Amino acid sequence: MISQENPHLYALVAGETSGDTLGSGLMMAIKRRDPLAQFIGIGGPKMVHQGMFSSANMEDLSVMGITEVLLKLPKILKIRNRVIKTIIEAKPCVFIGIDLPDFNLYVEQKVKAQGIPTVHYVSPSVWAWREGRIEKIRKACDEVLALLPFEEEWYRKHDMACTYVGHTLANYIPVNISMQQARERIDLIHHSVEPVKRYVMGILPGSRRGVISKMLPIYAQTARKVKKKLPETVFICTVPSLELATAVKDLWLEVAPDLSLTVFVGNCQDVIASSNAVLLTCGTIALETMLLKTPFAVAYKVSPLTALIARRLLKVKVYSLPNLIAGRKVVKEFIQEDCTPQLLAEEMHKLLIFDNILMKKEFEEIHRSMICNSDELACDAVFKVIHRHYDDLPPLESEANIENSEPVITSEPEEENPSSDNTDKDNQA
């Protein structure tokens, strides 16, 4: 049996920063249950810190959009073939694909065909577009771990095993956030290129080089308009790596040499919490910003071809996670033709000068509704899949009543908190 060969070997693949956060939290939970656990696959710095032996650079998989993917397709296919071969030869007790559906579902299907149980962590948005993908998901994985409450019922109606696990960030991020303490942790007063006087506007262009190159020029033009109306505004930014920080700095100097931008490497949550308002690129970062109770606007722009195809397939009217969870527009979204410096500047001006009490209250209500033992719930679901597959394994004592346990809510991040970015506190570009 495969389980008898490598019962403590786990394979995971994540393709972006948000997946790295989920993966590291899950790995910690697995290690608590299996102290002999070892991990292979692809992961980012947080997963590597937890013991992942990553066989590729996670950033090589961080591509979105149809035309954008085509440009990097040969390299992505090469990585995919290599990771499939490695996993099949290593024979782990389970494979967990974290988000990245177009990549991971294919890997899962090949790995599952070799008798290795598979889990897909983060449901693809099949309820929003390309509903026919449910057949592919069924063939590829034994269970889906869902982040959104309504997804579990949707999958059950389509006869697919699914467990709602929430998001680990909702548990680790405190409900009450201090802007002053966040600014002190990143020493904003001393590190800001421009003196901090009144308003701090956060700019989060994304964690992928391609997305940054498309969105940052729009944000720079937006910042110029905001600065004209509110001269006492400083602009801060955060990206996950020094390489991306250098790219942001160079591009900003090219498109907006007249404006100052302080770029932090890491410190994502403290940079967000230090801001009076944030302009961000649509993605999981919207959920993190909501959990930090910072007012924000969502923007995104893709190639005309990608937009044309997406509009024909999409079934939803909102795109960002806070709006999807709430079922309505809690924050404003500026997508495609609405993603203009003029419209963005008007919204950011409002967010900066007003107190946004109602928005922050809604953020808090959504946050409280999401708090649960996400890492443990995800881990529990993974082990149930393993034990369903390998009948000869003894039952897990820890499988009982995890769903009913009280979540651990911390006022300060734990040392191994998967959502903490404070390891690079003074690392700036």
Protein backbone atom coordinates (compact mmCIF):
# COMPACT_ATOMS: atom_id res chain seq x y z
CA MET A 1 0.00 0.00 0.00
CA ILE A 2 1.14 3.58 -0.69
CA SER A 3 0.20 4.56 2.83
CA GLN A 4 2.62 1.94 4.21
CA GLU A 5 5.48 3.27 2.06
CA ASN A 6 5.28 6.95 3.01
CA PRO A 7 2.56 7.50 5.63
CA HIS A 8 4.19 10.73 6.84
CA LEU A 9 4.90 12.34 3.46
CA TYR A 10 2.51 15.07 2.28
CA ALA A 11 2.57 16.79 -1.11
CA LEU A 12 1.22 20.33 -1.54
CA VAL A 13 1.30 22.87 -4.38
CA ALA A 14 0.56 26.58 -3.92
CA GLY A 15 1.00 29.19 -6.61
CA GLU A 16 0.68 32.58 -4.95
CA THR A 17 1.04 34.47 -1.67
CA SER A 18 -2.50 33.75 -0.43
CA GLY A 19 -2.01 30.03 -1.08
CA ASP A 20 1.32 30.17 0.74
CA THR A 21 -0.52 31.53 3.79
CA LEU A 22 -3.16 28.79 3.68
CA GLY A 23 -0.55 26.11 3.06
CA SER A 24 1.68 27.12 5.94
CA GLY A 25 -1.27 27.14 8.35
CA LEU A 26 -2.35 23.68 7.17
CA MET A 27 1.22 22.38 7.46
CA MET A 28 1.42 23.56 11.07
CA ALA A 29 -1.83 21.77 11.85
CA ILE A 30 -0.60 18.58 10.14
CA LYS A 31 2.64 18.68 12.16
CA ARG A 32 0.67 18.98 15.38
CA ARG A 33 -1.17 15.80 14.45
CA ASP A 34 1.75 14.03 12.79
CA PRO A 35 5.11 15.08 14.31
CA LEU A 36 6.95 12.96 11.69
CA ALA A 37 5.36 14.84 8.79
CA GLN A 38 7.49 15.79 5.78
CA PHE A 39 6.40 17.99 2.89
CA ILE A 40 7.20 18.14 -0.83
CA GLY A 41 5.74 20.09 -3.75
CA ILE A 42 5.75 23.82 -4.49
CA GLY A 43 5.34 26.58 -1.95
CA GLY A 44 6.38 30.08 -0.99
CA PRO A 45 8.53 31.36 1.89
CA LYS A 46 5.94 30.64 4.59
CA MET A 47 5.55 27.01 3.50
CA VAL A 48 9.32 26.61 3.15
CA HIS A 49 9.65 27.96 6.70
CA GLN A 50 7.33 25.17 7.85
CA GLY A 51 9.53 22.52 6.22
CA MET A 52 8.40 22.40 2.60
CA PHE A 53 10.96 21.14 0.09
CA SER A 54 9.86 23.28 -2.86
CA SER A 55 10.86 21.97 -6.28
CA ALA A 56 10.06 25.22 -8.15
CA ASN A 57 9.75 28.95 -7.66
CA MET A 58 6.15 29.66 -6.64
CA GLU A 59 6.19 33.00 -8.48
CA ASP A 60 6.59 31.18 -11.82
CA LEU A 61 3.00 29.95 -11.37
CA SER A 62 1.58 33.34 -10.33
CA VAL A 63 -0.02 34.29 -13.63
CA MET A 64 -3.60 35.42 -14.34
CA GLY A 65 -5.53 36.11 -17.53
CA ILE A 66 -5.75 34.17 -20.78
CA THR A 67 -3.16 36.06 -22.83
CA GLU A 68 -0.91 36.41 -19.77
CA VAL A 69 -0.86 32.64 -19.21
CA LEU A 70 -0.13 31.91 -22.87
CA LEU A 71 3.11 33.89 -22.69
CA LYS A 72 4.43 31.71 -19.86
CA LEU A 73 2.76 28.45 -20.89
CA PRO A 74 5.89 26.48 -21.92
CA LYS A 75 7.57 27.11 -18.56
CA ILE A 76 4.38 26.35 -16.61
CA LEU A 77 3.86 23.07 -18.48
CA LYS A 78 7.44 22.05 -17.81
CA ILE A 79 6.99 22.70 -14.08
CA ARG A 80 3.67 20.86 -14.09
CA ASN A 81 5.09 17.75 -15.74
CA ARG A 82 8.03 17.73 -13.34
CA VAL A 83 5.88 18.08 -10.23
CA ILE A 84 3.54 15.28 -11.37
CA LYS A 85 6.50 12.96 -11.94
CA THR A 86 8.02 13.86 -8.56
CA ILE A 87 4.80 13.29 -6.63
CA ILE A 88 3.96 9.99 -8.31
CA GLU A 89 7.47 8.68 -7.68
CA ALA A 90 7.51 9.89 -4.06
CA LYS A 91 4.13 8.29 -3.29
CA PRO A 92 2.92 10.68 -0.54
CA CYS A 93 -0.09 9.74 1.58
CA VAL A 94 -2.06 12.65 0.06
CA PHE A 95 -1.76 15.47 -2.45
CA ILE A 96 -3.26 18.89 -1.62
CA GLY A 97 -3.62 21.43 -4.41
CA ILE A 98 -4.04 24.91 -2.97
CA ASP A 99 -6.06 27.19 -5.26
CA LEU A 100 -4.45 27.57 -8.74
CA PRO A 101 -7.24 25.42 -10.27
CA ASP A 102 -6.08 25.24 -13.89
CA PHE A 103 -2.70 23.92 -12.73
CA ASN A 104 -3.66 21.90 -9.66
CA LEU A 105 -6.77 20.14 -10.97
CA TYR A 106 -4.69 18.64 -13.79
CA VAL A 107 -2.02 17.54 -11.32
CA GLU A 108 -4.68 16.11 -9.00
CA GLN A 109 -6.24 14.10 -11.81
CA LYS A 110 -2.91 12.53 -12.79
CA VAL A 111 -1.92 11.85 -9.19
CA LYS A 112 -5.33 10.41 -8.26
CA ALA A 113 -5.12 8.02 -11.20
CA GLN A 114 -2.02 6.55 -9.53
CA GLY A 115 -3.92 5.74 -6.33
CA ILE A 116 -2.95 8.79 -4.28
CA PRO A 117 -5.88 10.59 -2.58
CA THR A 118 -6.28 14.25 -3.52
CA VAL A 119 -7.74 17.37 -1.92
CA HIS A 120 -8.36 20.74 -3.54
CA TYR A 121 -8.03 23.60 -1.04
CA VAL A 122 -9.98 26.75 -2.11
CA SER A 123 -12.92 26.05 -4.36
CA PRO A 124 -12.67 27.26 -7.94
CA SER A 125 -15.45 29.77 -8.64
CA VAL A 126 -17.60 27.21 -10.46
CA TRP A 127 -20.72 28.83 -9.00
CA ALA A 128 -19.70 32.09 -10.72
CA TRP A 129 -18.60 30.88 -14.14
CA ARG A 130 -17.81 27.71 -16.12
CA GLU A 131 -20.12 25.55 -14.00
CA GLY A 132 -19.27 22.58 -16.18
CA ARG A 133 -15.90 22.38 -14.43
CA ILE A 134 -17.63 20.47 -11.63
CA GLU A 135 -17.14 17.28 -13.67
CA LYS A 136 -13.41 17.92 -13.88
CA ILE A 137 -13.27 18.65 -10.15
CA ARG A 138 -15.10 15.41 -9.40
CA LYS A 139 -12.59 13.41 -11.44
CA ALA A 140 -9.58 15.23 -10.02
CA CYS A 141 -10.09 15.30 -6.26
CA ASP A 142 -11.67 13.39 -3.42
CA GLU A 143 -12.74 16.51 -1.53
CA VAL A 144 -12.88 20.29 -1.86
CA LEU A 145 -12.07 22.60 1.05
CA ALA A 146 -14.17 25.75 0.73
CA LEU A 147 -13.46 29.24 2.07
CA LEU A 148 -16.94 30.69 1.53
CA PRO A 149 -19.96 29.56 3.59
CA PHE A 150 -22.35 29.01 0.67
CA GLU A 151 -19.92 26.82 -1.30
CA GLU A 152 -20.37 23.70 0.83
CA GLU A 153 -24.11 23.53 0.07
CA TRP A 154 -23.50 24.24 -3.63
CA TYR A 155 -21.15 21.27 -3.90
CA ARG A 156 -23.51 19.00 -2.00
CA LYS A 157 -26.24 19.79 -4.51
CA HIS A 158 -23.82 18.67 -7.20
CA ASP A 159 -22.91 15.42 -5.39
CA MET A 160 -19.35 16.45 -4.58
CA ALA A 161 -17.68 16.11 -1.18
CA CYS A 162 -16.90 19.54 0.24
CA THR A 163 -16.02 20.91 3.67
CA TYR A 164 -16.35 24.57 4.65
CA VAL A 165 -13.19 25.51 6.56
CA GLY A 166 -13.28 29.32 6.47
CA HIS A 167 -10.07 31.29 6.12
CA THR A 168 -7.14 31.08 8.53
CA LEU A 169 -6.70 34.88 8.45
CA ALA A 170 -10.10 35.41 10.10
CA ASN A 171 -8.84 33.54 13.15
CA TYR A 172 -5.36 35.01 13.39
CA ILE A 173 -6.17 38.66 12.73
CA PRO A 174 -7.59 40.36 15.86
CA VAL A 175 -11.08 41.81 15.63
CA ASN A 176 -9.84 45.12 17.02
CA ILE A 177 -6.89 46.73 15.25
CA SER A 178 -4.78 49.67 16.44
CA MET A 179 -3.56 51.91 13.63
CA GLN A 180 -1.04 53.59 15.95
CA GLN A 181 0.50 50.28 17.02
CA ALA A 182 0.72 49.14 13.38
CA ARG A 183 2.55 52.34 12.46
CA GLU A 184 4.93 51.85 15.36
CA ARG A 185 5.69 48.26 14.34
CA ILE A 186 6.82 49.36 10.87
CA ASP A 187 8.29 52.61 12.27
CA LEU A 188 6.38 54.53 9.64
CA ILE A 189 7.37 57.96 10.94
CA HIS A 190 11.08 57.27 10.31
CA HIS A 191 10.78 55.03 7.25
CA SER A 192 8.31 57.08 5.24
CA VAL A 193 10.08 58.81 2.33
CA GLU A 194 7.83 61.82 2.89
CA PRO A 195 6.87 63.17 6.38
CA VAL A 196 3.61 61.71 7.64
CA LYS A 197 1.29 64.62 8.36
CA ARG A 198 -2.36 63.65 7.95
CA TYR A 199 -3.40 60.99 5.44
CA VAL A 200 -1.70 57.69 4.62
CA MET A 201 -2.93 55.95 1.48
CA GLY A 202 -1.93 52.33 0.96
CA ILE A 203 -1.31 51.07 -2.57
CA LEU A 204 -1.33 47.30 -3.11
CA PRO A 205 -0.68 46.60 -6.80
CA GLY A 206 -0.57 42.79 -6.44
CA SER A 207 1.92 40.00 -5.88
CA ARG A 208 2.51 39.06 -9.54
CA ARG A 209 4.95 40.96 -11.71
CA GLY A 210 2.58 40.98 -14.69
CA VAL A 211 -0.32 42.35 -12.65
CA ILE A 212 1.92 44.97 -11.02
CA SER A 213 3.15 46.22 -14.39
CA LYS A 214 -0.46 46.62 -15.55
CA MET A 215 -1.99 48.15 -12.41
CA LEU A 216 0.77 50.31 -10.89
CA PRO A 217 0.76 52.99 -13.64
CA ILE A 218 -2.99 53.41 -13.10
CA TYR A 219 -2.45 53.70 -9.35
CA ALA A 220 0.34 56.24 -9.82
CA GLN A 221 -1.94 58.46 -11.90
CA THR A 222 -4.62 58.03 -9.24
CA ALA A 223 -2.16 59.03 -6.53
CA ARG A 224 -1.22 62.16 -8.45
CA LYS A 225 -4.89 63.23 -8.54
CA VAL A 226 -5.35 62.44 -4.85
CA LYS A 227 -2.23 64.42 -3.97
CA LYS A 228 -3.56 67.42 -5.86
CA LYS A 229 -6.76 67.43 -3.78
CA LEU A 230 -5.14 66.33 -0.52
CA PRO A 231 -1.51 67.56 -0.43
CA GLU A 232 -0.96 66.11 3.07
CA THR A 233 -1.21 62.55 1.76
CA VAL A 234 1.69 60.09 1.75
CA PHE A 235 1.69 56.84 -0.20
CA ILE A 236 2.93 53.48 1.08
CA CYS A 237 3.08 50.08 -0.56
CA THR A 238 3.96 46.49 0.30
CA VAL A 239 5.05 43.53 -1.82
CA PRO A 240 6.18 40.03 -0.76
CA SER A 241 9.76 40.11 -2.06
CA LEU A 242 12.74 42.43 -2.54
CA GLU A 243 12.73 41.59 -6.24
CA LEU A 244 9.15 42.84 -6.61
CA ALA A 245 9.93 45.87 -4.43
CA THR A 246 12.70 46.84 -6.83
CA ALA A 247 10.33 46.37 -9.77
CA VAL A 248 7.71 48.58 -8.09
CA LYS A 249 10.27 51.27 -7.29
CA ASP A 250 11.64 51.33 -10.83
CA LEU A 251 8.20 51.42 -12.45
CA TRP A 252 6.95 54.12 -10.07
CA LEU A 253 9.99 56.30 -10.84
CA GLU A 254 9.27 55.84 -14.52
CA VAL A 255 5.58 56.81 -14.41
CA ALA A 256 5.45 59.14 -11.38
CA PRO A 257 8.88 60.64 -10.62
CA ASP A 258 7.14 63.62 -9.02
CA LEU A 259 5.52 61.48 -6.28
CA SER A 260 7.07 59.72 -3.30
CA LEU A 261 6.22 56.09 -2.55
CA THR A 262 7.52 54.14 0.44
CA VAL A 263 7.78 50.44 -0.45
CA PHE A 264 7.89 47.81 2.29
CA VAL A 265 8.93 44.20 1.79
CA GLY A 266 6.57 42.07 3.83
CA ASN A 267 4.81 43.69 6.81
CA CYS A 268 1.64 43.39 4.74
CA GLN A 269 -0.86 43.55 7.59
CA ASP A 270 0.88 46.41 9.38
CA VAL A 271 1.15 48.43 6.16
CA ILE A 272 -2.57 47.95 5.55
CA ALA A 273 -3.50 48.74 9.17
CA SER A 274 -1.28 51.84 9.06
CA SER A 275 -3.27 53.27 6.16
CA ASN A 276 -6.32 55.51 6.39
CA ALA A 277 -7.53 53.90 3.16
CA VAL A 278 -6.16 51.42 0.65
CA LEU A 279 -6.37 51.05 -3.13
CA LEU A 280 -5.83 47.41 -4.02
CA THR A 281 -5.89 44.95 -6.87
CA CYS A 282 -8.72 42.41 -6.69
CA GLY A 283 -7.68 39.18 -4.98
CA THR A 284 -7.39 37.59 -1.52
CA ILE A 285 -5.75 40.79 -0.30
CA ALA A 286 -9.25 42.32 -0.30
CA LEU A 287 -10.30 39.83 2.36
CA GLU A 288 -7.19 40.56 4.43
CA THR A 289 -7.78 44.31 4.20
CA MET A 290 -11.39 43.87 5.28
CA LEU A 291 -10.31 41.77 8.28
CA LEU A 292 -7.92 44.58 9.24
CA LYS A 293 -10.90 47.03 9.15
CA THR A 294 -9.15 49.42 6.72
CA PRO A 295 -11.46 51.16 4.21
CA PHE A 296 -10.54 50.27 0.64
CA ALA A 297 -11.50 50.24 -3.01
CA VAL A 298 -10.97 47.30 -5.38
CA ALA A 299 -9.59 47.70 -8.89
CA TYR A 300 -8.69 45.31 -11.69
CA LYS A 301 -8.01 45.43 -15.39
CA VAL A 302 -7.14 42.62 -17.79
CA SER A 303 -6.53 42.40 -21.51
CA PRO A 304 -9.56 43.17 -23.74
CA LEU A 305 -9.66 39.54 -24.94
CA THR A 306 -9.68 38.16 -21.37
CA ALA A 307 -12.41 40.63 -20.39
CA LEU A 308 -14.56 39.74 -23.41
CA ILE A 309 -14.42 36.02 -22.68
CA ALA A 310 -14.95 36.47 -18.93
CA ARG A 311 -18.05 38.63 -19.37
CA ARG A 312 -19.69 35.96 -21.49
CA LEU A 313 -19.11 33.35 -18.79
CA LEU A 314 -19.51 35.17 -15.47
CA LYS A 315 -22.70 34.69 -13.46
CA VAL A 316 -21.91 37.07 -10.59
CA LYS A 317 -22.21 40.84 -10.36
CA VAL A 318 -19.52 41.35 -7.68
CA TYR A 319 -15.95 40.09 -7.71
CA SER A 320 -14.10 40.77 -4.43
CA LEU A 321 -14.32 38.31 -1.54
CA PRO A 322 -15.90 40.73 1.00
CA ASN A 323 -18.71 41.47 -1.44
CA LEU A 324 -19.17 37.80 -2.32
CA ILE A 325 -19.35 36.83 1.36
CA ALA A 326 -21.80 39.63 2.18
CA GLY A 327 -23.83 39.00 -0.96
CA ARG A 328 -23.82 42.72 -1.80
CA LYS A 329 -21.43 45.60 -2.48
CA VAL A 330 -19.79 46.44 0.82
CA VAL A 331 -16.84 48.02 -1.00
CA LYS A 332 -16.77 49.64 -4.42
CA GLU A 333 -15.23 47.74 -7.32
CA PHE A 334 -13.64 49.40 -10.33
CA ILE A 335 -13.29 46.73 -12.99
CA GLN A 336 -12.06 47.08 -16.59
CA GLU A 337 -13.45 50.31 -18.16
CA ASP A 338 -14.33 51.63 -14.68
CA CYS A 339 -10.71 51.22 -13.62
CA THR A 340 -9.64 54.78 -14.43
CA PRO A 341 -7.46 57.20 -12.43
CA GLN A 342 -10.32 59.71 -12.29
CA LEU A 343 -12.89 57.32 -10.80
CA LEU A 344 -10.36 55.73 -8.46
CA ALA A 345 -9.15 59.13 -7.22
CA GLU A 346 -12.71 60.27 -6.49
CA GLU A 347 -13.37 57.15 -4.39
CA MET A 348 -10.03 57.29 -2.57
CA HIS A 349 -10.62 60.97 -1.75
CA LYS A 350 -13.91 60.04 -0.07
CA LEU A 351 -12.38 57.12 1.83
CA LEU A 352 -9.51 59.27 3.10
CA ILE A 353 -11.52 62.24 4.36
CA PHE A 354 -14.51 60.42 5.89
CA ASP A 355 -14.54 58.17 8.98
CA ASN A 356 -16.27 55.25 7.13
CA ILE A 357 -17.92 54.02 10.33
CA LEU A 358 -20.62 51.97 8.57
CA MET A 359 -18.08 50.25 6.32
CA LYS A 360 -15.87 49.36 9.29
CA LYS A 361 -18.88 48.04 11.21
CA GLU A 362 -19.79 45.78 8.30
CA PHE A 363 -16.18 44.60 8.12
CA GLU A 364 -16.31 43.66 11.81
CA GLU A 365 -19.60 41.78 11.44
CA ILE A 366 -18.27 39.76 8.51
CA HIS A 367 -15.04 39.07 10.42
CA ARG A 368 -16.86 37.75 13.47
CA SER A 369 -19.03 35.50 11.31
CA MET A 370 -15.91 33.93 9.74
CA ILE A 371 -13.97 33.08 12.91
CA CYS A 372 -13.37 29.34 13.23
CA ASN A 373 -10.50 26.85 13.59
CA SER A 374 -9.71 27.02 9.87
CA ASP A 375 -6.32 25.29 9.96
CA GLU A 376 -7.61 22.48 12.17
CA LEU A 377 -10.80 22.08 10.13
CA ALA A 378 -8.75 21.84 6.94
CA CYS A 379 -6.35 19.39 8.56
CA ASP A 380 -9.23 17.30 9.88
CA ALA A 381 -10.77 17.11 6.40
CA VAL A 382 -7.41 16.08 4.88
CA PHE A 383 -6.96 13.25 7.37
CA LYS A 384 -10.51 12.04 6.82
CA VAL A 385 -9.75 11.79 3.10
CA ILE A 386 -6.57 9.84 3.87
CA HIS A 387 -8.41 7.44 6.17
CA ARG A 388 -11.28 6.94 3.75
CA HIS A 389 -8.70 5.97 1.13
CA TYR A 390 -6.59 3.68 3.29
CA ASP A 391 -8.97 1.43 5.18
CA ASP A 392 -6.16 -0.22 7.09
CA LEU A 393 -5.17 2.94 8.98
CA PRO A 394 -6.30 3.19 12.62
CA PRO A 395 -8.91 5.89 13.43
CA LEU A 396 -7.67 9.32 14.45
CA GLU A 397 -8.44 10.31 18.02
CA SER A 398 -8.37 13.98 16.99
CA GLU A 399 -11.11 13.59 14.37
CA ALA A 400 -13.87 13.84 16.96
CA ASN A 401 -15.74 17.10 17.42
CA ILE A 402 -13.11 19.44 15.95
CA GLU A 403 -15.98 21.34 14.36
CA ASN A 404 -17.39 22.14 17.81
CA SER A 405 -14.15 23.27 19.41
CA GLU A 406 -13.62 26.89 20.38
CA PRO A 407 -11.35 28.87 18.04
CA VAL A 408 -8.15 30.31 19.43
CA ILE A 409 -8.29 34.07 18.90
CA THR A 410 -5.05 35.85 19.56
CA SER A 411 -4.62 39.52 20.28
CA GLU A 412 -1.04 39.30 19.02
CA PRO A 413 0.23 37.07 16.18
CA GLU A 414 1.83 33.82 17.27
CA GLU A 415 5.47 33.25 16.47
CA GLU A 416 4.54 30.87 13.65
CA ASN A 417 1.41 32.76 12.63
CA PRO A 418 1.03 32.01 8.91
CA SER A 419 -0.48 35.43 8.29
CA SER A 420 2.33 37.39 9.93
CA ASP A 421 4.73 39.27 7.68
CA ASN A 422 6.78 40.93 10.41
CA THR A 423 9.96 38.97 9.77
CA ASP A 424 11.08 41.70 7.36
CA LYS A 425 10.21 44.63 9.60
CA ASP A 426 12.98 46.92 8.44
CA ASN A 427 13.43 45.56 4.95
CA GLN A 428 12.45 48.27 2.51
CA ALA A 429 13.24 49.39 -1.00
